[in-house]
Amino acid sequence: MTDRPFLEISQLTARLKGSGTPLLRSVDLAVPAGSVHGLVGESGAGKSMIGKAILGILPRSVEVATGAIRLDGTDLQSLPPAERRTRVGALTALIPQDPLTALNPSRRIGPQITDRLVDILGWDRARAVDRARQLLAEVQLPDPDRILRSYPHELSGGQRQRILIAAAFAAEPRLIIADEPTTALDVTVQKQILRLIREMQERHGTAMLFVTHDLGVVSKVCQSLSVLYAGKIVESARVEDFFRAPAHTYSRALLAASPRYTDPHGSLMPVPDEVMQAVRAEVAAFDEGRAAHV
C-alpha cells in the first residue's frame, strides 16, 4: 500500500438540473492505492451518488456542477465522454448492492463474467472462461463449471454476491467501488462476504471505496473513512483515530447510536435532536456561503 491517492475527489458538487438543488456539496476525499476508504452516512446522504459520479453513471436529472475526480492523476471531468468511459472501464469496477437485480436473469453466469474480459481486455473467449473458473474458485465457490452454466435464479444470495465479487476483480481493476455489498444478505452470510472482500482486496492490492451505513463494517474492512451528511463530508479520518476520538458532533452521535457487540444488552442511543439541528444548520450555512460567492 502507498499513501499516494489513486482516487482523489476535489470540491465535487452535484445538483439537480433545472432546480439547482445541491446533492453533493464540495466533496473532498482521497483513496490511496491498495487502501480501503469507508464512506459512511444515513440513507439519502449521497454515498451511492459519489460512486455513480466516479463511474459516470449519474441519473440524467443530476449534473456535476464543479470539482475534479482524478484516477491515477487524470481528471475524468476533463476527458471527452468516450475517452472517459474507456478509462473508467479499464481502471474501475463495481460491487453492487443487490446481487439478484445486478445479474441479468436471462443469461447464464459465464458470459456475465467473461464479457468484461473480452470487451475491455480483448481476451479470446477461451482464455476468459479459464479466468472465470479461477476467480470462482478464488471466491470459494465449488464446481465452477456448474456455476458458469447456471442462471442467477438457480443460485443462493450468497453465491450470487460471490459471483459479483469475482466479476469485479476479473479485469484486475485499480479501484473497486463496493456499494453496500452485504445489505441484501442475512447476517451470517454478511460476515463471510466481508471477510472474502477483504481477503480479495489484500491479495490483489486494489484500492476500494466501501459505501456503507454500518460503522461496525468500517471498523473491520477500512483504513480510513469519511462521514457524509446531506451530501457534505463532515469528517474524514483514519479509522483508528475516528473510533478513538471522533471530531464532529454528528460523528460522535452516530458512533454512540451503533450497537455494541461487547454490550449486547445495552440500549441503542438515537441521534439527539440538537445534534441533527446543528448539522442541518451547518449544511444550510455552507449553502448560503456558496451562494454568496456565486
Protein backbone atom coordinates (compact mmCIF):
# COMPACT_ATOMS: atom_id res chain seq x y z
CA MET A 1 0.00 0.00 0.00
CA THR A 2 1.16 3.54 -0.80
CA ASP A 3 -0.02 6.89 0.52
CA ARG A 4 -0.33 8.38 -2.97
CA PRO A 5 -4.05 8.77 -3.79
CA PHE A 6 -5.22 6.62 -6.66
CA LEU A 7 -8.68 8.19 -6.38
CA GLU A 8 -8.80 11.87 -5.50
CA ILE A 9 -12.02 13.88 -5.43
CA SER A 10 -11.71 17.65 -5.01
CA GLN A 11 -14.57 20.09 -4.36
CA LEU A 12 -17.11 17.88 -6.13
CA THR A 13 -20.56 19.49 -6.29
CA ALA A 14 -23.56 17.87 -7.97
CA ARG A 15 -27.07 19.27 -8.32
CA LEU A 16 -30.46 18.61 -9.84
CA LYS A 17 -30.68 20.03 -13.35
CA GLY A 18 -33.03 22.95 -13.64
CA SER A 19 -33.69 23.48 -9.95
CA GLY A 20 -30.07 23.79 -8.89
CA THR A 21 -30.80 21.84 -5.71
CA PRO A 22 -27.41 20.69 -4.31
CA LEU A 23 -26.99 16.95 -3.82
CA LEU A 24 -23.22 16.77 -3.25
CA ARG A 25 -21.58 19.71 -1.55
CA SER A 26 -17.85 20.34 -2.26
CA VAL A 27 -16.85 16.75 -1.55
CA ASP A 28 -13.15 16.09 -0.90
CA LEU A 29 -11.79 12.60 -0.37
CA ALA A 30 -8.78 10.51 -1.31
CA VAL A 31 -8.20 6.76 -1.54
CA PRO A 32 -4.54 5.67 -1.68
CA ALA A 33 -3.59 2.79 -3.94
CA GLY A 34 -4.18 -0.50 -2.15
CA SER A 35 -6.24 1.09 0.64
CA VAL A 36 -9.91 0.76 1.66
CA HIS A 37 -11.76 4.00 2.40
CA GLY A 38 -15.19 3.85 4.01
CA LEU A 39 -17.96 6.24 3.03
CA VAL A 40 -20.49 6.36 5.86
CA GLY A 41 -23.83 8.08 6.30
CA GLU A 42 -27.53 7.56 6.72
CA SER A 43 -29.83 6.70 3.81
CA GLY A 44 -30.07 9.58 1.35
CA ALA A 45 -26.80 11.17 2.44
CA GLY A 46 -25.32 10.87 -1.06
CA LYS A 47 -22.98 7.90 -0.58
CA SER A 48 -24.02 5.99 -3.69
CA MET A 49 -24.17 9.23 -5.68
CA ILE A 50 -20.46 9.78 -5.12
CA GLY A 51 -19.80 6.29 -6.51
CA LYS A 52 -22.00 6.98 -9.52
CA ALA A 53 -20.23 10.28 -10.13
CA ILE A 54 -16.90 8.45 -10.25
CA LEU A 55 -18.25 5.83 -12.65
CA GLY A 56 -20.04 8.42 -14.81
CA ILE A 57 -23.46 6.86 -14.30
CA LEU A 58 -25.33 9.65 -12.52
CA PRO A 59 -29.05 9.88 -13.35
CA ARG A 60 -29.81 12.18 -16.27
CA SER A 61 -31.55 14.56 -13.88
CA VAL A 62 -28.27 15.14 -11.97
CA GLU A 63 -25.24 17.10 -13.17
CA VAL A 64 -21.76 17.70 -11.81
CA ALA A 65 -21.51 21.45 -11.32
CA THR A 66 -17.92 21.84 -10.09
CA GLY A 67 -14.94 19.81 -8.97
CA ALA A 68 -12.48 17.20 -10.12
CA ILE A 69 -12.46 13.39 -9.99
CA ARG A 70 -8.93 12.09 -10.56
CA LEU A 71 -7.99 8.48 -11.23
CA ASP A 72 -4.25 7.91 -11.09
CA GLY A 73 -3.73 11.64 -11.59
CA THR A 74 -6.06 12.10 -14.58
CA ASP A 75 -9.12 14.34 -14.11
CA LEU A 76 -12.05 12.39 -15.51
CA GLN A 77 -14.11 15.58 -15.82
CA SER A 78 -11.66 16.92 -18.40
CA LEU A 79 -11.92 13.91 -20.74
CA PRO A 80 -14.24 13.55 -23.74
CA PRO A 81 -17.12 11.15 -22.91
CA ALA A 82 -15.83 8.21 -24.96
CA GLU A 83 -12.31 8.51 -23.53
CA ARG A 84 -13.71 8.79 -20.01
CA ARG A 85 -15.81 5.63 -20.44
CA THR A 86 -12.78 3.74 -21.71
CA ARG A 87 -10.59 4.87 -18.83
CA VAL A 88 -13.20 4.22 -16.16
CA GLY A 89 -13.97 0.80 -17.67
CA ALA A 90 -10.31 -0.17 -17.63
CA LEU A 91 -9.46 1.10 -14.14
CA THR A 92 -12.60 0.60 -12.05
CA ALA A 93 -15.27 -1.94 -11.18
CA LEU A 94 -18.42 -2.03 -9.06
CA ILE A 95 -19.70 -4.50 -6.48
CA PRO A 96 -23.38 -3.54 -6.39
CA GLN A 97 -25.81 -3.72 -3.51
CA ASP A 98 -28.34 -6.31 -4.70
CA PRO A 99 -26.92 -9.36 -6.50
CA LEU A 100 -30.30 -10.53 -7.77
CA THR A 101 -31.06 -7.31 -9.67
CA ALA A 102 -27.42 -6.75 -10.70
CA LEU A 103 -27.22 -10.04 -12.61
CA ASN A 104 -29.16 -10.48 -15.86
CA PRO A 105 -31.76 -13.19 -15.11
CA SER A 106 -31.97 -14.31 -18.74
CA ARG A 107 -28.22 -15.01 -19.16
CA ARG A 108 -26.00 -17.69 -17.73
CA ILE A 109 -23.34 -16.65 -15.24
CA GLY A 110 -20.39 -17.43 -17.52
CA PRO A 111 -20.92 -14.65 -20.09
CA GLN A 112 -21.72 -12.15 -17.33
CA ILE A 113 -18.14 -12.58 -16.07
CA THR A 114 -16.28 -13.19 -19.33
CA ASP A 115 -17.85 -10.37 -21.39
CA ARG A 116 -15.86 -7.80 -19.38
CA LEU A 117 -12.60 -9.62 -20.11
CA VAL A 118 -13.38 -9.90 -23.81
CA ASP A 119 -14.65 -6.34 -24.23
CA ILE A 120 -12.16 -4.46 -22.00
CA LEU A 121 -9.00 -6.57 -22.15
CA GLY A 122 -9.53 -8.02 -25.63
CA TRP A 123 -9.10 -11.62 -24.47
CA ASP A 124 -10.41 -14.52 -26.52
CA ARG A 125 -13.39 -16.35 -25.04
CA ALA A 126 -11.47 -19.49 -24.02
CA ARG A 127 -8.93 -17.51 -22.02
CA ALA A 128 -11.73 -15.50 -20.41
CA VAL A 129 -13.56 -18.69 -19.37
CA ASP A 130 -10.38 -20.06 -17.78
CA ARG A 131 -10.02 -16.79 -15.83
CA ALA A 132 -13.66 -17.01 -14.74
CA ARG A 133 -13.11 -20.54 -13.40
CA GLN A 134 -10.06 -19.34 -11.47
CA LEU A 135 -11.98 -16.41 -9.97
CA LEU A 136 -14.95 -18.56 -8.92
CA ALA A 137 -12.55 -20.87 -7.13
CA GLU A 138 -10.87 -17.83 -5.54
CA VAL A 139 -14.22 -16.66 -4.11
CA GLN A 140 -14.69 -20.17 -2.71
CA LEU A 141 -17.49 -21.39 -4.99
CA PRO A 142 -17.29 -25.16 -5.56
CA ASP A 143 -17.75 -26.68 -9.04
CA PRO A 144 -17.02 -23.51 -11.08
CA ASP A 145 -18.12 -25.14 -14.34
CA ARG A 146 -21.61 -25.75 -12.92
CA ILE A 147 -21.77 -22.16 -11.68
CA LEU A 148 -20.76 -20.82 -15.10
CA ARG A 149 -23.62 -22.79 -16.72
CA SER A 150 -26.18 -21.67 -14.12
CA TYR A 151 -28.75 -18.87 -14.26
CA PRO A 152 -28.90 -16.40 -11.35
CA HIS A 153 -32.20 -17.78 -10.02
CA GLU A 154 -30.60 -21.20 -9.59
CA LEU A 155 -28.13 -19.85 -7.01
CA SER A 156 -28.41 -18.53 -3.46
CA GLY A 157 -27.99 -14.89 -2.48
CA GLY A 158 -24.55 -15.58 -1.02
CA GLN A 159 -23.45 -17.40 -4.18
CA ARG A 160 -24.68 -14.53 -6.37
CA GLN A 161 -22.78 -12.00 -4.28
CA ARG A 162 -19.60 -14.07 -4.54
CA ILE A 163 -20.08 -14.08 -8.32
CA LEU A 164 -20.33 -10.29 -8.37
CA ILE A 165 -17.14 -10.05 -6.32
CA ALA A 166 -15.40 -12.38 -8.78
CA ALA A 167 -16.68 -10.31 -11.71
CA ALA A 168 -15.48 -7.08 -10.10
CA PHE A 169 -11.92 -8.41 -9.74
CA ALA A 170 -11.92 -10.14 -13.14
CA ALA A 171 -10.16 -7.45 -15.18
CA GLU A 172 -7.76 -6.53 -12.35
CA PRO A 173 -9.16 -3.01 -11.79
CA ARG A 174 -7.14 -0.50 -9.80
CA LEU A 175 -10.24 0.76 -7.93
CA ILE A 176 -13.39 -1.05 -6.82
CA ILE A 177 -16.49 0.72 -5.55
CA ALA A 178 -18.35 -1.57 -3.15
CA ASP A 179 -21.86 -0.13 -2.79
CA GLU A 180 -23.27 -1.65 0.43
CA PRO A 181 -22.45 -5.15 -0.87
CA THR A 182 -23.86 -7.05 2.12
CA THR A 183 -27.18 -5.22 2.59
CA ALA A 184 -29.32 -7.88 0.87
CA LEU A 185 -27.74 -10.81 2.76
CA ASP A 186 -28.51 -12.40 6.10
CA VAL A 187 -26.16 -11.75 9.00
CA THR A 188 -24.13 -14.98 8.86
CA VAL A 189 -23.56 -14.64 5.10
CA GLN A 190 -22.65 -10.95 5.55
CA LYS A 191 -19.73 -11.91 7.76
CA GLN A 192 -18.43 -14.40 5.19
CA ILE A 193 -18.76 -11.91 2.33
CA LEU A 194 -16.99 -9.14 4.25
CA ARG A 195 -14.10 -11.45 5.04
CA LEU A 196 -13.94 -12.51 1.39
CA ILE A 197 -13.92 -8.92 0.10
CA ARG A 198 -11.12 -8.01 2.49
CA GLU A 199 -9.07 -11.07 1.50
CA MET A 200 -9.55 -10.39 -2.22
CA GLN A 201 -8.69 -6.71 -1.81
CA GLU A 202 -5.47 -7.52 0.05
CA ARG A 203 -4.49 -10.28 -2.39
CA HIS A 204 -4.99 -8.09 -5.46
CA GLY A 205 -3.80 -4.82 -3.89
CA THR A 206 -6.86 -2.95 -5.17
CA ALA A 207 -7.94 0.45 -3.90
CA MET A 208 -11.54 0.34 -2.66
CA LEU A 209 -14.24 2.86 -1.82
CA PHE A 210 -16.55 0.99 0.55
CA VAL A 211 -20.02 2.53 0.82
CA THR A 212 -21.94 1.56 3.94
CA HIS A 213 -24.19 2.82 6.73
CA ASP A 214 -22.63 0.39 9.22
CA LEU A 215 -19.73 1.67 11.31
CA GLY A 216 -19.08 -1.89 12.50
CA VAL A 217 -18.29 -2.87 8.91
CA VAL A 218 -15.96 0.13 8.57
CA SER A 219 -14.02 -0.96 11.65
CA LYS A 220 -13.38 -4.38 10.08
CA VAL A 221 -12.50 -3.60 6.47
CA CYS A 222 -11.37 0.06 6.14
CA GLN A 223 -8.21 2.00 6.95
CA SER A 224 -9.86 5.42 6.66
CA LEU A 225 -13.35 6.85 6.37
CA SER A 226 -15.43 9.90 5.56
CA VAL A 227 -18.74 10.70 7.27
CA LEU A 228 -21.35 12.17 4.94
CA TYR A 229 -24.47 14.15 5.80
CA ALA A 230 -26.78 15.70 3.17
CA GLY A 231 -24.08 15.42 0.53
CA LYS A 232 -21.43 17.13 2.67
CA ILE A 233 -18.47 15.40 4.28
CA VAL A 234 -18.42 16.47 7.92
CA GLU A 235 -15.35 14.45 8.93
CA SER A 236 -12.57 12.36 7.39
CA ALA A 237 -10.11 10.39 9.49
CA ARG A 238 -8.04 7.28 9.92
CA VAL A 239 -10.26 4.51 11.26
CA GLU A 240 -8.31 4.07 14.49
CA ASP A 241 -8.41 7.82 15.16
CA PHE A 242 -12.12 8.02 14.43
CA PHE A 243 -13.11 5.21 16.77
CA ARG A 244 -10.83 6.55 19.49
CA ALA A 245 -11.98 10.18 19.29
CA PRO A 246 -14.40 11.27 16.52
CA ALA A 247 -14.07 15.00 15.95
CA HIS A 248 -17.53 16.06 14.75
CA THR A 249 -20.61 16.05 16.99
CA TYR A 250 -22.61 14.19 14.31
CA SER A 251 -19.88 11.54 14.06
CA ARG A 252 -19.89 11.10 17.82
CA ALA A 253 -23.68 10.72 17.79
CA LEU A 254 -23.54 8.11 15.01
CA LEU A 255 -20.94 6.16 16.91
CA ALA A 256 -23.00 6.32 20.10
CA ALA A 257 -26.05 5.07 18.16
CA SER A 258 -24.21 1.97 16.88
CA PRO A 259 -24.86 -1.35 18.67
CA ARG A 260 -22.04 -2.57 20.91
CA TYR A 261 -21.24 -6.25 20.48
CA THR A 262 -19.39 -6.09 23.80
CA ASP A 263 -22.62 -4.93 25.45
CA PRO A 264 -25.44 -6.94 23.81
CA HIS A 265 -27.98 -5.87 26.42
CA GLY A 266 -27.21 -2.16 26.19
CA SER A 267 -29.78 0.32 24.90
CA LEU A 268 -29.46 1.96 21.49
CA MET A 269 -28.92 5.71 21.66
CA PRO A 270 -30.76 7.69 18.96
CA VAL A 271 -29.02 10.73 17.49
CA PRO A 272 -30.20 13.66 19.66
CA ASP A 273 -32.43 16.29 18.05
CA GLU A 274 -29.99 19.05 18.95
CA VAL A 275 -27.22 17.30 17.03
CA MET A 276 -29.44 16.95 13.95
CA GLN A 277 -30.44 20.60 14.20
CA ALA A 278 -26.79 21.64 14.46
CA VAL A 279 -25.64 19.60 11.46
CA ARG A 280 -28.59 20.85 9.38
CA ALA A 281 -27.66 24.41 10.31
CA GLU A 282 -24.05 23.70 9.32
CA VAL A 283 -25.16 22.49 5.88
CA ALA A 284 -27.51 25.46 5.45
CA ALA A 285 -24.73 27.90 6.37
CA PHE A 286 -22.44 26.18 3.88
CA ASP A 287 -25.05 26.59 1.11
CA GLU A 288 -25.55 30.25 1.99
CA GLY A 289 -21.80 30.84 1.90
CA ARG A 290 -21.50 29.25 -1.54
CA ALA A 291 -24.47 31.23 -2.85
CA ALA A 292 -22.87 34.48 -1.65
CA HIS A 293 -19.76 33.75 -3.74
CA VAL A 294 -21.60 32.80 -6.94
